[in-house]
Protein backbone atom coordinates (compact mmCIF):
# COMPACT_ATOMS: atom_id res chain seq x y z
CA MET A 1 106.74 28.55 166.94
CA THR A 2 104.30 29.16 169.77
CA ALA A 3 106.96 28.27 172.27
CA LEU A 4 108.10 31.44 171.24
CA ASN A 5 104.92 33.47 172.18
CA ASP A 6 104.04 31.75 175.45
CA ILE A 7 107.06 32.87 177.31
CA PRO A 8 106.49 35.81 179.90
CA ILE A 9 108.19 39.14 179.55
CA ALA A 10 108.45 42.02 181.56
CA THR A 11 107.96 45.52 180.48
CA THR A 12 110.04 48.38 181.74
CA ASP A 13 107.45 49.17 184.43
CA GLY A 14 107.38 45.81 185.67
CA ALA A 15 104.00 44.33 183.57
CA GLU A 16 103.87 41.18 182.54
CA THR A 17 103.37 40.19 178.68
CA SER A 18 104.49 37.50 176.49
CA LEU A 19 105.46 37.76 172.34
CA ALA A 20 102.13 36.42 171.88
CA ALA A 21 100.68 40.17 172.53
CA TYR A 22 102.27 41.08 169.29
CA ASP A 23 101.05 37.49 167.38
CA GLY A 24 100.45 38.12 163.34
CA LYS A 25 103.15 40.75 163.27
CA VAL A 26 106.99 40.56 161.63
CA LYS A 27 108.78 41.10 165.08
CA MET A 28 112.44 42.53 165.27
CA ILE A 29 113.88 41.51 168.55
CA VAL A 30 116.69 43.50 169.21
CA ASN A 31 119.14 43.53 172.41
CA VAL A 32 119.89 46.91 172.54
CA ALA A 33 122.24 49.08 175.01
CA SER A 34 122.31 52.56 175.67
CA ARG A 35 126.14 53.02 175.93
CA CYS A 36 127.21 50.93 173.04
CA GLY A 37 129.16 52.15 169.93
CA LEU A 38 126.29 51.17 167.97
CA ALA A 39 123.65 52.82 169.62
CA PRO A 40 122.80 55.18 166.70
CA GLN A 41 121.19 51.87 165.30
CA TYR A 42 118.07 53.34 167.37
CA GLY A 43 117.36 55.57 164.88
CA LYS A 44 117.19 53.25 162.36
CA LEU A 45 114.95 51.23 164.31
CA GLU A 46 112.79 53.86 165.06
CA GLN A 47 112.79 54.81 161.31
CA LEU A 48 111.61 50.99 160.18
CA GLN A 49 109.10 51.07 163.09
CA LYS A 50 107.80 54.56 161.84
CA THR A 51 107.78 53.34 158.00
CA TYR A 52 106.24 49.64 158.47
CA GLY A 53 104.69 50.24 162.33
CA GLU A 54 100.98 50.54 160.22
CA ARG A 55 101.75 47.71 158.14
CA GLY A 56 102.09 44.98 161.09
CA PHE A 57 105.87 45.36 161.86
CA THR A 58 107.25 46.02 165.73
CA VAL A 59 110.55 46.35 166.90
CA LEU A 60 110.94 45.15 170.20
CA GLY A 61 113.87 46.38 172.42
CA PHE A 62 115.21 44.14 175.23
CA PRO A 63 117.92 46.24 176.85
CA SER A 64 121.28 44.08 178.16
CA ASN A 65 123.75 44.95 180.48
CA GLN A 66 125.44 42.00 179.24
CA PHE A 67 128.30 43.56 177.60
CA LEU A 68 128.34 46.43 180.45
CA GLN A 69 127.37 49.25 177.99
CA GLU A 70 123.68 49.74 179.21
CA LEU A 71 122.31 51.76 181.75
CA GLY A 72 121.38 50.91 185.40
CA SER A 73 117.87 50.89 185.65
CA ALA A 74 114.57 51.03 183.49
CA GLU A 75 113.71 54.64 184.33
CA ALA A 76 117.37 55.72 182.76
CA ILE A 77 116.92 53.25 179.97
CA SER A 78 113.63 54.66 179.43
CA GLU A 79 114.54 58.26 179.45
CA TYR A 80 117.54 57.85 176.87
CA CYS A 81 115.57 56.05 174.31
CA SER A 82 112.20 58.57 174.56
CA THR A 83 114.79 61.83 174.69
CA THR A 84 117.91 60.69 172.55
CA TRP A 85 116.42 58.95 169.99
CA GLY A 86 112.22 59.46 169.94
CA ILE A 87 111.92 55.75 170.58
CA THR A 88 108.09 54.70 169.92
CA PHE A 89 108.60 50.93 169.85
CA PRO A 90 108.06 48.94 173.10
CA ILE A 91 111.20 48.81 175.30
CA PHE A 92 111.22 45.34 177.89
CA GLU A 93 112.98 44.59 181.15
CA ARG A 94 116.94 44.47 181.12
CA VAL A 95 117.85 40.64 180.12
CA LYS A 96 120.86 38.52 179.57
CA VAL A 97 121.17 37.19 175.95
CA ASN A 98 123.83 34.30 177.07
CA GLY A 99 124.67 31.90 179.72
CA ARG A 100 123.02 30.65 182.51
CA ALA A 101 120.93 33.32 183.73
CA GLU A 102 119.76 34.22 180.00
CA HIS A 103 116.08 35.19 179.24
CA PRO A 104 114.02 32.09 177.73
CA VAL A 105 113.60 34.19 174.74
CA TYR A 106 116.65 34.62 174.15
CA THR A 107 117.44 30.08 174.65
CA GLU A 108 114.88 30.04 172.08
CA LEU A 109 116.21 33.35 169.50
CA LYS A 110 119.54 31.86 169.53
CA LYS A 111 118.51 28.42 167.56
CA ALA A 112 118.44 30.41 164.46
CA GLN A 113 121.29 30.51 162.42
CA ASP A 114 122.58 33.73 160.83
CA ALA A 115 123.73 34.01 156.99
CA GLU A 116 126.63 31.87 157.95
CA GLY A 117 124.77 29.32 158.96
CA LYS A 118 126.15 29.62 162.41
CA ALA A 119 123.73 29.72 165.49
CA GLY A 120 124.63 30.36 169.46
CA ARG A 121 125.78 33.23 171.49
CA VAL A 122 124.65 36.57 170.55
CA LYS A 123 127.88 38.50 170.39
CA TRP A 124 127.23 41.54 170.91
CA ASN A 125 124.75 44.36 171.30
CA PHE A 126 122.08 45.18 168.55
CA GLU A 127 121.73 41.74 167.11
CA LYS A 128 118.61 41.52 165.43
CA PHE A 129 116.05 38.29 165.12
CA ILE A 130 112.93 39.22 162.98
CA VAL A 131 110.63 36.43 163.72
CA THR A 132 107.79 36.78 160.78
CA PRO A 133 104.41 35.43 161.05
CA ASP A 134 104.61 31.87 160.29
CA GLY A 135 107.03 31.95 163.09
CA ALA A 136 110.17 31.98 161.07
CA VAL A 137 113.29 33.65 163.02
CA HIS A 138 115.84 34.91 160.81
CA ARG A 139 119.15 36.24 162.42
CA PHE A 140 121.08 39.29 161.51
CA ARG A 141 124.52 40.19 163.31
CA PRO A 142 125.30 43.42 165.33
CA ARG A 143 127.29 45.11 162.81
CA THR A 144 124.22 44.41 159.97
CA GLU A 145 122.49 47.98 160.38
CA PRO A 146 118.53 47.83 160.63
CA ASP A 147 118.21 49.47 156.98
CA ASP A 148 120.08 46.64 155.80
CA PRO A 149 118.55 45.69 152.03
CA ALA A 150 118.18 42.40 153.44
CA ILE A 151 116.24 43.16 156.29
CA VAL A 152 114.21 45.85 154.71
CA GLU A 153 113.70 43.13 152.08
CA LEU A 154 112.47 40.47 154.55
CA ILE A 155 110.61 42.55 156.13
CA GLU A 156 108.36 43.92 152.97
CA LYS A 157 107.86 40.36 151.58
CA SER A 158 106.27 39.26 155.13
CA LEU A 159 104.16 42.15 155.33
CA PRO A 160 100.66 42.63 153.59
CA ALA A 161 101.06 44.70 150.55
CA SER A 162 100.06 48.59 151.42
């Protein structure tokens, strides 16, 4: 699954990087949106970051206006995330998660199936993809809370013992 790590991504300040910068970590990739009714999930995402960050876990937020619920600029998104939720995990540039102009990271992630065996389109904001250090992708739909027992168990079993 090196392909996923090799795809270029840009930070909110325009610097280019890739998921390879997080190689060996348990990554939770989430399409976030500031104006979404699910935005309180930001708080739970940050709690996971604080709980597991030192053990090799990171949340990676990809703002998306695909569902018309994200703020208009990287600056506004960054300010919202830090002032409203105290976000410390990386937030990247706004991306499309579906369609012809979708970001290549999402083209790869969407091949993963959810608990019901369904792959394909991202249904809404806050869809969560957990990429374990072995490159396996686990998919959780938007209404699955970040602190859902299935997610916490997957994170814990994928991290080195504390």
